[in-house]
Amino acid sequence: MEEAKGLKKPVKLKHELAEFLGETELPRTDITKKLWDYIKANQLQTKTENGKPENAGKFIVADAKLLPIFKNTKSTSKSGKLTDFTNLQEGQTIDMMQMAAVVGANIE
């Protein structure tokens, strides 16, 4: 069998994400898909920053289950922009464009 590469290659999940997904290793593509499945199933999207969940929009509301995963995120992008959710509170939001940073922060 050909070894999976790139985004399809399984990566080791940090504790919080592993607990949330019930897996210890998954490809990045599956991690992102499972997070989105959860967000959609629980209607955790909103159109406004820190708005109430309304099942649509570009912001993701941190509920009690997502919060520990989001709080692991503290990274600087290539352009030098800092993404720091270490002080995020339940009910606050992140921009959906920051999901890649969240996934990156939660894998070994």
PDB file of N, CA and C in Angstrom:
ATOM      1  N   MET A   1       0.841  -1.197   0.000  1.00  0.00           N
ATOM      2  CA  MET A   1       0.000   0.000   0.000  1.00  0.00           C
ATOM      3  C   MET A   1       0.882   1.256   0.000  1.00  0.00           C
ATOM      4  N   GLU A   2       0.494   2.233  -0.758  1.00  0.00           N
ATOM      5  CA  GLU A   2       1.260   3.476  -0.830  1.00  0.00           C
ATOM      6  C   GLU A   2       1.096   4.270   0.461  1.00  0.00           C
ATOM      7  N   GLU A   3       2.193   4.824   0.937  1.00  0.00           N
ATOM      8  CA  GLU A   3       2.143   5.600   2.177  1.00  0.00           C
ATOM      9  C   GLU A   3       1.444   6.932   1.927  1.00  0.00           C
ATOM     10  N   ALA A   4       0.535   7.286   2.831  1.00  0.00           N
ATOM     11  CA  ALA A   4      -0.182   8.553   2.710  1.00  0.00           C
ATOM     12  C   ALA A   4       0.785   9.708   2.925  1.00  0.00           C
ATOM     13  N   LYS A   5       0.621  10.763   2.127  1.00  0.00           N
ATOM     14  CA  LYS A   5       1.499  11.927   2.227  1.00  0.00           C
ATOM     15  C   LYS A   5       0.675  13.196   2.404  1.00  0.00           C
ATOM     16  N   GLY A   6       1.375  14.271   2.747  1.00  0.00           N
ATOM     17  CA  GLY A   6       0.742  15.586   2.831  1.00  0.00           C
ATOM     18  C   GLY A   6      -0.416  15.618   3.810  1.00  0.00           C
ATOM     19  N   LEU A   7      -1.533  16.198   3.384  1.00  0.00           N
ATOM     20  CA  LEU A   7      -2.698  16.366   4.254  1.00  0.00           C
ATOM     21  C   LEU A   7      -3.374  15.045   4.603  1.00  0.00           C
ATOM     22  N   LYS A   8      -3.135  14.012   3.798  1.00  0.00           N
ATOM     23  CA  LYS A   8      -3.772  12.716   4.047  1.00  0.00           C
ATOM     24  C   LYS A   8      -2.949  11.821   4.986  1.00  0.00           C
ATOM     25  N   LYS A   9      -1.737  12.275   5.340  1.00  0.00           N
ATOM     26  CA  LYS A   9      -0.871  11.503   6.222  1.00  0.00           C
ATOM     27  C   LYS A   9      -1.371  11.641   7.663  1.00  0.00           C
ATOM     28  N   PRO A  10      -1.565  10.523   8.358  1.00  0.00           N
ATOM     29  CA  PRO A  10      -2.023  10.636   9.755  1.00  0.00           C
ATOM     30  C   PRO A  10      -1.004  11.370  10.631  1.00  0.00           C
ATOM     31  N   VAL A  11      -1.510  12.213  11.508  1.00  0.00           N
ATOM     32  CA  VAL A  11      -0.669  12.951  12.444  1.00  0.00           C
ATOM     33  C   VAL A  11      -1.132  12.623  13.860  1.00  0.00           C
ATOM     34  N   LYS A  12      -0.223  12.764  14.818  1.00  0.00           N
ATOM     35  CA  LYS A  12      -0.553  12.477  16.212  1.00  0.00           C
ATOM     36  C   LYS A  12      -1.302  13.675  16.806  1.00  0.00           C
ATOM     37  N   LEU A  13      -2.418  13.374  17.473  1.00  0.00           N
ATOM     38  CA  LEU A  13      -3.241  14.429  18.057  1.00  0.00           C
ATOM     39  C   LEU A  13      -2.819  14.705  19.494  1.00  0.00           C
ATOM     40  N   LYS A  14      -2.830  15.976  19.864  1.00  0.00           N
ATOM     41  CA  LYS A  14      -2.573  16.337  21.260  1.00  0.00           C
ATOM     42  C   LYS A  14      -3.781  15.883  22.088  1.00  0.00           C
ATOM     43  N   HIS A  15      -3.572  15.791  23.391  1.00  0.00           N
ATOM     44  CA  HIS A  15      -4.546  15.210  24.322  1.00  0.00           C
ATOM     45  C   HIS A  15      -5.980  15.727  24.158  1.00  0.00           C
ATOM     46  N   GLU A  16      -6.163  17.047  24.145  1.00  0.00           N
ATOM     47  CA  GLU A  16      -7.523  17.611  24.110  1.00  0.00           C
ATOM     48  C   GLU A  16      -8.269  17.215  22.833  1.00  0.00           C
ATOM     49  N   LEU A  17      -7.566  17.305  21.716  1.00  0.00           N
ATOM     50  CA  LEU A  17      -8.188  16.965  20.436  1.00  0.00           C
ATOM     51  C   LEU A  17      -8.435  15.456  20.346  1.00  0.00           C
ATOM     52  N   ALA A  18      -7.483  14.661  20.840  1.00  0.00           N
ATOM     53  CA  ALA A  18      -7.637  13.205  20.832  1.00  0.00           C
ATOM     54  C   ALA A  18      -8.857  12.794  21.651  1.00  0.00           C
ATOM     55  N   GLU A  19      -9.035  13.448  22.789  1.00  0.00           N
ATOM     56  CA  GLU A  19     -10.182  13.155  23.653  1.00  0.00           C
ATOM     57  C   GLU A  19     -11.489  13.543  22.956  1.00  0.00           C
ATOM     58  N   PHE A  20     -11.493  14.701  22.341  1.00  0.00           N
ATOM     59  CA  PHE A  20     -12.677  15.222  21.645  1.00  0.00           C
ATOM     60  C   PHE A  20     -13.091  14.305  20.493  1.00  0.00           C
ATOM     61  N   LEU A  21     -12.108  13.856  19.707  1.00  0.00           N
ATOM     62  CA  LEU A  21     -12.402  13.055  18.520  1.00  0.00           C
ATOM     63  C   LEU A  21     -12.416  11.551  18.788  1.00  0.00           C
ATOM     64  N   GLY A  22     -11.908  11.138  19.951  1.00  0.00           N
ATOM     65  CA  GLY A  22     -11.856   9.718  20.263  1.00  0.00           C
ATOM     66  C   GLY A  22     -10.849   8.966  19.401  1.00  0.00           C
ATOM     67  N   GLU A  23      -9.837   9.670  18.924  1.00  0.00           N
ATOM     68  CA  GLU A  23      -8.784   9.074  18.089  1.00  0.00           C
ATOM     69  C   GLU A  23      -7.448   9.647  18.545  1.00  0.00           C
ATOM     70  N   THR A  24      -6.361   8.901  18.303  1.00  0.00           N
ATOM     71  CA  THR A  24      -5.040   9.421  18.662  1.00  0.00           C
ATOM     72  C   THR A  24      -4.270   9.888  17.433  1.00  0.00           C
ATOM     73  N   GLU A  25      -4.634   9.352  16.263  1.00  0.00           N
ATOM     74  CA  GLU A  25      -3.999   9.764  15.009  1.00  0.00           C
ATOM     75  C   GLU A  25      -5.042   9.881  13.910  1.00  0.00           C
ATOM     76  N   LEU A  26      -4.943  10.943  13.134  1.00  0.00           N
ATOM     77  CA  LEU A  26      -5.854  11.174  12.007  1.00  0.00           C
ATOM     78  C   LEU A  26      -5.148  12.066  10.999  1.00  0.00           C
ATOM     79  N   PRO A  27      -5.500  11.963   9.715  1.00  0.00           N
ATOM     80  CA  PRO A  27      -4.989  12.940   8.742  1.00  0.00           C
ATOM     81  C   PRO A  27      -5.621  14.309   9.021  1.00  0.00           C
ATOM     82  N   ARG A  28      -4.898  15.373   8.678  1.00  0.00           N
ATOM     83  CA  ARG A  28      -5.420  16.742   8.878  1.00  0.00           C
ATOM     84  C   ARG A  28      -6.791  16.931   8.231  1.00  0.00           C
ATOM     85  N   THR A  29      -6.973  16.343   7.046  1.00  0.00           N
ATOM     86  CA  THR A  29      -8.250  16.498   6.341  1.00  0.00           C
ATOM     87  C   THR A  29      -9.398  15.952   7.184  1.00  0.00           C
ATOM     88  N   ASP A  30      -9.174  14.794   7.835  1.00  0.00           N
ATOM     89  CA  ASP A  30     -10.223  14.186   8.666  1.00  0.00           C
ATOM     90  C   ASP A  30     -10.467  15.000   9.934  1.00  0.00           C
ATOM     91  N   ILE A  31      -9.391  15.541  10.514  1.00  0.00           N
ATOM     92  CA  ILE A  31      -9.529  16.363  11.726  1.00  0.00           C
ATOM     93  C   ILE A  31     -10.451  17.540  11.413  1.00  0.00           C
ATOM     94  N   THR A  32     -10.131  18.253  10.324  1.00  0.00           N
ATOM     95  CA  THR A  32     -10.912  19.433   9.938  1.00  0.00           C
ATOM     96  C   THR A  32     -12.359  19.049   9.662  1.00  0.00           C
ATOM     97  N   LYS A  33     -12.565  17.958   8.933  1.00  0.00           N
ATOM     98  CA  LYS A  33     -13.921  17.516   8.603  1.00  0.00           C
ATOM     99  C   LYS A  33     -14.714  17.185   9.870  1.00  0.00           C
ATOM    100  N   LYS A  34     -14.091  16.454  10.802  1.00  0.00           N
ATOM    101  CA  LYS A  34     -14.793  16.067  12.033  1.00  0.00           C
ATOM    102  C   LYS A  34     -15.116  17.291  12.898  1.00  0.00           C
ATOM    103  N   LEU A  35     -14.206  18.257  12.940  1.00  0.00           N
ATOM    104  CA  LEU A  35     -14.484  19.488  13.692  1.00  0.00           C
ATOM    105  C   LEU A  35     -15.674  20.221  13.064  1.00  0.00           C
ATOM    106  N   TRP A  36     -15.671  20.322  11.734  1.00  0.00           N
ATOM    107  CA  TRP A  36     -16.783  20.991  11.046  1.00  0.00           C
ATOM    108  C   TRP A  36     -18.092  20.240  11.220  1.00  0.00           C
ATOM    109  N   ASP A  37     -18.044  18.902  11.201  1.00  0.00           N
ATOM    110  CA  ASP A  37     -19.260  18.109  11.425  1.00  0.00           C
ATOM    111  C   ASP A  37     -19.858  18.458  12.781  1.00  0.00           C
ATOM    112  N   TYR A  38     -18.987  18.566  13.789  1.00  0.00           N
ATOM    113  CA  TYR A  38     -19.436  18.899  15.145  1.00  0.00           C
ATOM    114  C   TYR A  38     -20.018  20.320  15.193  1.00  0.00           C
ATOM    115  N   ILE A  39     -19.294  21.268  14.584  1.00  0.00           N
ATOM    116  CA  ILE A  39     -19.732  22.672  14.582  1.00  0.00           C
ATOM    117  C   ILE A  39     -21.110  22.794  13.924  1.00  0.00           C
ATOM    118  N   LYS A  40     -21.289  22.125  12.783  1.00  0.00           N
ATOM    119  CA  LYS A  40     -22.568  22.191  12.066  1.00  0.00           C
ATOM    120  C   LYS A  40     -23.672  21.467  12.824  1.00  0.00           C
ATOM    121  N   ALA A  41     -23.367  20.288  13.357  1.00  0.00           N
ATOM    122  CA  ALA A  41     -24.371  19.511  14.092  1.00  0.00           C
ATOM    123  C   ALA A  41     -24.877  20.271  15.320  1.00  0.00           C
ATOM    124  N   ASN A  42     -24.007  21.075  15.913  1.00  0.00           N
ATOM    125  CA  ASN A  42     -24.369  21.819  17.121  1.00  0.00           C
ATOM    126  C   ASN A  42     -24.676  23.291  16.844  1.00  0.00           C
ATOM    127  N   GLN A  43     -24.781  23.624  15.564  1.00  0.00           N
ATOM    128  CA  GLN A  43     -25.139  24.982  15.122  1.00  0.00           C
ATOM    129  C   GLN A  43     -24.293  26.051  15.807  1.00  0.00           C
ATOM    130  N   LEU A  44     -22.975  25.885  15.720  1.00  0.00           N
ATOM    131  CA  LEU A  44     -22.058  26.793  16.413  1.00  0.00           C
ATOM    132  C   LEU A  44     -21.448  27.849  15.499  1.00  0.00           C
ATOM    133  N   GLN A  45     -22.166  28.240  14.454  1.00  0.00           N
ATOM    134  CA  GLN A  45     -21.684  29.319  13.593  1.00  0.00           C
ATOM    135  C   GLN A  45     -22.531  30.559  13.830  1.00  0.00           C
ATOM    136  N   THR A  46     -21.913  31.723  13.649  1.00  0.00           N
ATOM    137  CA  THR A  46     -22.630  32.980  13.803  1.00  0.00           C
ATOM    138  C   THR A  46     -22.060  34.002  12.827  1.00  0.00           C
ATOM    139  N   LYS A  47     -22.873  34.974  12.454  1.00  0.00           N
ATOM    140  CA  LYS A  47     -22.452  35.977  11.466  1.00  0.00           C
ATOM    141  C   LYS A  47     -21.675  37.127  12.092  1.00  0.00           C
ATOM    142  N   THR A  48     -21.735  37.238  13.423  1.00  0.00           N
ATOM    143  CA  THR A  48     -21.078  38.363  14.081  1.00  0.00           C
ATOM    144  C   THR A  48     -20.081  37.872  15.114  1.00  0.00           C
ATOM    145  N   GLU A  49     -19.006  38.622  15.292  1.00  0.00           N
ATOM    146  CA  GLU A  49     -17.994  38.260  16.279  1.00  0.00           C
ATOM    147  C   GLU A  49     -18.623  38.203  17.664  1.00  0.00           C
ATOM    148  N   ASN A  50     -18.391  37.100  18.371  1.00  0.00           N
ATOM    149  CA  ASN A  50     -18.955  36.864  19.701  1.00  0.00           C
ATOM    150  C   ASN A  50     -20.477  36.912  19.719  1.00  0.00           C
ATOM    151  N   GLY A  51     -21.087  36.661  18.544  1.00  0.00           N
ATOM    152  CA  GLY A  51     -22.550  36.644  18.455  1.00  0.00           C
ATOM    153  C   GLY A  51     -23.119  35.331  18.942  1.00  0.00           C
ATOM    154  N   LYS A  52     -24.444  35.274  18.996  1.00  0.00           N
ATOM    155  CA  LYS A  52     -25.127  34.058  19.418  1.00  0.00           C
ATOM    156  C   LYS A  52     -25.106  33.047  18.268  1.00  0.00           C
ATOM    157  N   PRO A  53     -25.026  31.760  18.576  1.00  0.00           N
ATOM    158  CA  PRO A  53     -25.037  30.751  17.516  1.00  0.00           C
ATOM    159  C   PRO A  53     -26.301  30.850  16.668  1.00  0.00           C
ATOM    160  N   GLU A  54     -26.125  30.829  15.339  1.00  0.00           N
ATOM    161  CA  GLU A  54     -27.279  30.904  14.446  1.00  0.00           C
ATOM    162  C   GLU A  54     -27.139  29.948  13.254  1.00  0.00           C
ATOM    163  N   ASN A  55     -26.183  29.029  13.349  1.00  0.00           N
ATOM    164  CA  ASN A  55     -25.988  27.990  12.336  1.00  0.00           C
ATOM    165  C   ASN A  55     -25.568  28.490  10.960  1.00  0.00           C
ATOM    166  N   ALA A  56     -25.068  29.694  10.865  1.00  0.00           N
ATOM    167  CA  ALA A  56     -24.538  30.198   9.593  1.00  0.00           C
ATOM    168  C   ALA A  56     -23.612  31.351   9.911  1.00  0.00           C
ATOM    169  N   GLY A  57     -22.653  31.593   9.038  1.00  0.00           N
ATOM    170  CA  GLY A  57     -21.760  32.714   9.247  1.00  0.00           C
ATOM    171  C   GLY A  57     -20.322  32.268   9.372  1.00  0.00           C
ATOM    172  N   LYS A  58     -19.429  33.269   9.371  1.00  0.00           N
ATOM    173  CA  LYS A  58     -17.998  32.950   9.313  1.00  0.00           C
ATOM    174  C   LYS A  58     -17.324  32.840  10.675  1.00  0.00           C
ATOM    175  N   PHE A  59     -18.076  33.020  11.750  1.00  0.00           N
ATOM    176  CA  PHE A  59     -17.493  32.888  13.082  1.00  0.00           C
ATOM    177  C   PHE A  59     -17.951  31.591  13.736  1.00  0.00           C
ATOM    178  N   ILE A  60     -17.054  30.979  14.483  1.00  0.00           N
ATOM    179  CA  ILE A  60     -17.350  29.725  15.173  1.00  0.00           C
ATOM    180  C   ILE A  60     -17.397  30.011  16.663  1.00  0.00           C
ATOM    181  N   VAL A  61     -18.493  29.611  17.298  1.00  0.00           N
ATOM    182  CA  VAL A  61     -18.681  29.841  18.721  1.00  0.00           C
ATOM    183  C   VAL A  61     -18.010  28.708  19.508  1.00  0.00           C
ATOM    184  N   ALA A  62     -17.181  29.082  20.458  1.00  0.00           N
ATOM    185  CA  ALA A  62     -16.507  28.092  21.309  1.00  0.00           C
ATOM    186  C   ALA A  62     -17.472  27.609  22.386  1.00  0.00           C
ATOM    187  N   ASP A  63     -17.862  26.341  22.288  1.00  0.00           N
ATOM    188  CA  ASP A  63     -18.670  25.775  23.362  1.00  0.00           C
ATOM    189  C   ASP A  63     -17.726  25.061  24.338  1.00  0.00           C
ATOM    190  N   ALA A  64     -18.284  24.425  25.358  1.00  0.00           N
ATOM    191  CA  ALA A  64     -17.452  23.792  26.395  1.00  0.00           C
ATOM    192  C   ALA A  64     -16.537  22.710  25.825  1.00  0.00           C
ATOM    193  N   LYS A  65     -16.980  22.025  24.765  1.00  0.00           N
ATOM    194  CA  LYS A  65     -16.166  20.943  24.190  1.00  0.00           C
ATOM    195  C   LYS A  65     -15.069  21.466  23.263  1.00  0.00           C
ATOM    196  N   LEU A  66     -15.345  22.527  22.522  1.00  0.00           N
ATOM    197  CA  LEU A  66     -14.347  23.086  21.603  1.00  0.00           C
ATOM    198  C   LEU A  66     -13.329  23.968  22.322  1.00  0.00           C
ATOM    199  N   LEU A  67     -13.741  24.587  23.416  1.00  0.00           N
ATOM    200  CA  LEU A  67     -12.885  25.552  24.120  1.00  0.00           C
ATOM    201  C   LEU A  67     -11.485  25.013  24.456  1.00  0.00           C
ATOM    202  N   PRO A  68     -11.347  23.802  25.042  1.00  0.00           N
ATOM    203  CA  PRO A  68      -9.997  23.319  25.366  1.00  0.00           C
ATOM    204  C   PRO A  68      -9.114  23.155  24.120  1.00  0.00           C
ATOM    205  N   ILE A  69      -9.728  22.823  22.997  1.00  0.00           N
ATOM    206  CA  ILE A  69      -8.988  22.669  21.739  1.00  0.00           C
ATOM    207  C   ILE A  69      -8.551  24.047  21.230  1.00  0.00           C
ATOM    208  N   PHE A  70      -9.490  24.985  21.201  1.00  0.00           N
ATOM    209  CA  PHE A  70      -9.175  26.341  20.738  1.00  0.00           C
ATOM    210  C   PHE A  70      -8.096  26.983  21.614  1.00  0.00           C
ATOM    211  N   LYS A  71      -8.165  26.741  22.930  1.00  0.00           N
ATOM    212  CA  LYS A  71      -7.223  27.377  23.872  1.00  0.00           C
ATOM    213  C   LYS A  71      -5.780  26.920  23.683  1.00  0.00           C
ATOM    214  N   ASN A  72      -5.552  25.824  22.968  1.00  0.00           N
ATOM    215  CA  ASN A  72      -4.182  25.367  22.680  1.00  0.00           C
ATOM    216  C   ASN A  72      -3.524  26.223  21.605  1.00  0.00           C
ATOM    217  N   THR A  73      -4.304  27.076  20.946  1.00  0.00           N
ATOM    218  CA  THR A  73      -3.822  27.797  19.781  1.00  0.00           C
ATOM    219  C   THR A  73      -3.083  29.081  20.138  1.00  0.00           C
ATOM    220  N   LYS A  74      -1.794  29.077  19.810  1.00  0.00           N
ATOM    221  CA  LYS A  74      -0.990  30.297  19.913  1.00  0.00           C
ATOM    222  C   LYS A  74       0.113  30.139  18.886  1.00  0.00           C
ATOM    223  N   SER A  75      -0.081  30.753  17.722  1.00  0.00           N
ATOM    224  CA  SER A  75       0.884  30.599  16.640  1.00  0.00           C
ATOM    225  C   SER A  75       1.010  31.888  15.849  1.00  0.00           C
ATOM    226  N   THR A  76       2.142  32.030  15.206  1.00  0.00           N
ATOM    227  CA  THR A  76       2.387  33.185  14.360  1.00  0.00           C
ATOM    228  C   THR A  76       2.457  32.703  12.919  1.00  0.00           C
ATOM    229  N   SER A  77       1.681  33.326  12.056  1.00  0.00           N
ATOM    230  CA  SER A  77       1.661  32.938  10.645  1.00  0.00           C
ATOM    231  C   SER A  77       2.913  33.438   9.944  1.00  0.00           C
ATOM    232  N   LYS A  78       3.103  32.990   8.708  1.00  0.00           N
ATOM    233  CA  LYS A  78       4.266  33.428   7.928  1.00  0.00           C
ATOM    234  C   LYS A  78       4.283  34.939   7.747  1.00  0.00           C
ATOM    235  N   SER A  79       3.101  35.540   7.710  1.00  0.00           N
ATOM    236  CA  SER A  79       3.025  36.993   7.546  1.00  0.00           C
ATOM    237  C   SER A  79       3.246  37.730   8.875  1.00  0.00           C
ATOM    238  N   GLY A  80       3.428  36.942   9.963  1.00  0.00           N
ATOM    239  CA  GLY A  80       3.714  37.562  11.255  1.00  0.00           C
ATOM    240  C   GLY A  80       2.498  37.848  12.105  1.00  0.00           C
ATOM    241  N   LYS A  81       1.312  37.402  11.657  1.00  0.00           N
ATOM    242  CA  LYS A  81       0.091  37.646  12.421  1.00  0.00           C
ATOM    243  C   LYS A  81      -0.036  36.601  13.534  1.00  0.00           C
ATOM    244  N   LEU A  82      -0.219  37.072  14.753  1.00  0.00           N
ATOM    245  CA  LEU A  82      -0.343  36.177  15.899  1.00  0.00           C
ATOM    246  C   LEU A  82      -1.796  35.723  16.054  1.00  0.00           C
ATOM    247  N   THR A  83      -1.980  34.418  16.207  1.00  0.00           N
ATOM    248  CA  THR A  83      -3.290  33.857  16.523  1.00  0.00           C
ATOM    249  C   THR A  83      -3.166  33.273  17.920  1.00  0.00           C
ATOM    250  N   ASP A  84      -3.808  33.903  18.888  1.00  0.00           N
ATOM    251  CA  ASP A  84      -3.679  33.484  20.282  1.00  0.00           C
ATOM    252  C   ASP A  84      -5.063  33.351  20.909  1.00  0.00           C
ATOM    253  N   PHE A  85      -5.461  32.110  21.166  1.00  0.00           N
ATOM    254  CA  PHE A  85      -6.775  31.854  21.781  1.00  0.00           C
ATOM    255  C   PHE A  85      -6.633  31.340  23.205  1.00  0.00           C
ATOM    256  N   THR A  86      -5.446  31.518  23.809  1.00  0.00           N
ATOM    257  CA  THR A  86      -5.209  30.941  25.137  1.00  0.00           C
ATOM    258  C   THR A  86      -6.119  31.548  26.205  1.00  0.00           C
ATOM    259  N   ASN A  87      -6.644  32.745  25.971  1.00  0.00           N
ATOM    260  CA  ASN A  87      -7.547  33.379  26.948  1.00  0.00           C
ATOM    261  C   ASN A  87      -9.005  33.387  26.490  1.00  0.00           C
ATOM    262  N   LEU A  88      -9.306  32.619  25.445  1.00  0.00           N
ATOM    263  CA  LEU A  88     -10.673  32.562  24.927  1.00  0.00           C
ATOM    264  C   LEU A  88     -11.632  32.048  25.994  1.00  0.00           C
ATOM    265  N   GLN A  89     -12.817  32.611  26.025  1.00  0.00           N
ATOM    266  CA  GLN A  89     -13.837  32.182  26.983  1.00  0.00           C
ATOM    267  C   GLN A  89     -14.957  31.449  26.240  1.00  0.00           C
ATOM    268  N   GLU A  90     -15.654  30.589  26.962  1.00  0.00           N
ATOM    269  CA  GLU A  90     -16.801  29.895  26.384  1.00  0.00           C
ATOM    270  C   GLU A  90     -17.809  30.922  25.872  1.00  0.00           C
ATOM    271  N   GLY A  91     -18.330  30.699  24.669  1.00  0.00           N
ATOM    272  CA  GLY A  91     -19.297  31.626  24.085  1.00  0.00           C
ATOM    273  C   GLY A  91     -18.651  32.659  23.176  1.00  0.00           C
ATOM    274  N   GLN A  92     -17.319  32.825  23.266  1.00  0.00           N
ATOM    275  CA  GLN A  92     -16.634  33.734  22.357  1.00  0.00           C
ATOM    276  C   GLN A  92     -16.400  33.009  21.032  1.00  0.00           C
ATOM    277  N   THR A  93     -16.000  33.772  20.014  1.00  0.00           N
ATOM    278  CA  THR A  93     -15.883  33.187  18.679  1.00  0.00           C
ATOM    279  C   THR A  93     -14.473  33.297  18.115  1.00  0.00           C
ATOM    280  N   ILE A  94     -14.218  32.440  17.105  1.00  0.00           N
ATOM    281  CA  ILE A  94     -13.023  32.574  16.290  1.00  0.00           C
ATOM    282  C   ILE A  94     -13.489  32.668  14.845  1.00  0.00           C
ATOM    283  N   ASP A  95     -12.660  33.236  13.996  1.00  0.00           N
ATOM    284  CA  ASP A  95     -12.973  33.329  12.568  1.00  0.00           C
ATOM    285  C   ASP A  95     -12.721  31.966  11.935  1.00  0.00           C
ATOM    286  N   MET A  96     -13.612  31.539  11.059  1.00  0.00           N
ATOM    287  CA  MET A  96     -13.455  30.218  10.430  1.00  0.00           C
ATOM    288  C   MET A  96     -12.131  30.085   9.684  1.00  0.00           C
ATOM    289  N   MET A  97     -11.557  31.202   9.247  1.00  0.00           N
ATOM    290  CA  MET A  97     -10.274  31.168   8.547  1.00  0.00           C
ATOM    291  C   MET A  97      -9.130  30.780   9.495  1.00  0.00           C
ATOM    292  N   GLN A  98      -9.419  30.784  10.795  1.00  0.00           N
ATOM    293  CA  GLN A  98      -8.383  30.448  11.782  1.00  0.00           C
ATOM    294  C   GLN A  98      -8.389  28.965  12.159  1.00  0.00           C
ATOM    295  N   MET A  99      -9.279  28.186  11.521  1.00  0.00           N
ATOM    296  CA  MET A  99      -9.375  26.765  11.834  1.00  0.00           C
ATOM    297  C   MET A  99      -8.075  26.024  11.524  1.00  0.00           C
ATOM    298  N   ALA A 100      -7.373  26.421  10.458  1.00  0.00           N
ATOM    299  CA  ALA A 100      -6.106  25.757  10.114  1.00  0.00           C
ATOM    300  C   ALA A 100      -5.088  25.936  11.244  1.00  0.00           C
ATOM    301  N   ALA A 101      -5.071  27.126  11.844  1.00  0.00           N
ATOM    302  CA  ALA A 101      -4.171  27.389  12.973  1.00  0.00           C
ATOM    303  C   ALA A 101      -4.549  26.529  14.168  1.00  0.00           C
ATOM    304  N   VAL A 102      -5.853  26.367  14.389  1.00  0.00           N
ATOM    305  CA  VAL A 102      -6.339  25.538  15.509  1.00  0.00           C
ATOM    306  C   VAL A 102      -5.896  24.083  15.302  1.00  0.00           C
ATOM    307  N   VAL A 103      -6.113  23.555  14.098  1.00  0.00           N
ATOM    308  CA  VAL A 103      -5.719  22.176  13.809  1.00  0.00           C
ATOM    309  C   VAL A 103      -4.206  22.036  13.981  1.00  0.00           C
ATOM    310  N   GLY A 104      -3.448  22.992  13.433  1.00  0.00           N
ATOM    311  CA  GLY A 104      -1.992  22.957  13.540  1.00  0.00           C
ATOM    312  C   GLY A 104      -1.498  22.968  14.976  1.00  0.00           C
ATOM    313  N   ALA A 105      -2.209  23.684  15.837  1.00  0.00           N
ATOM    314  CA  ALA A 105      -1.801  23.818  17.234  1.00  0.00           C
ATOM    315  C   ALA A 105      -2.131  22.576  18.053  1.00  0.00           C
ATOM    316  N   ASN A 106      -2.974  21.698  17.502  1.00  0.00           N
ATOM    317  CA  ASN A 106      -3.447  20.539  18.245  1.00  0.00           C
ATOM    318  C   ASN A 106      -2.897  19.217  17.759  1.00  0.00           C
ATOM    319  N   ILE A 107      -1.840  19.293  16.935  1.00  0.00           N
ATOM    320  CA  ILE A 107      -1.178  18.062  16.485  1.00  0.00           C
ATOM    321  C   ILE A 107       0.296  18.130  16.857  1.00  0.00           C
ATOM    322  N   GLU A 108       0.880  16.951  17.050  1.00  0.00           N
ATOM    323  CA  GLU A 108       2.288  16.869  17.452  1.00  0.00           C
ATOM    324  C   GLU A 108       3.183  17.100  16.232  1.00  0.00           C
TER     325      GLU A 108
END
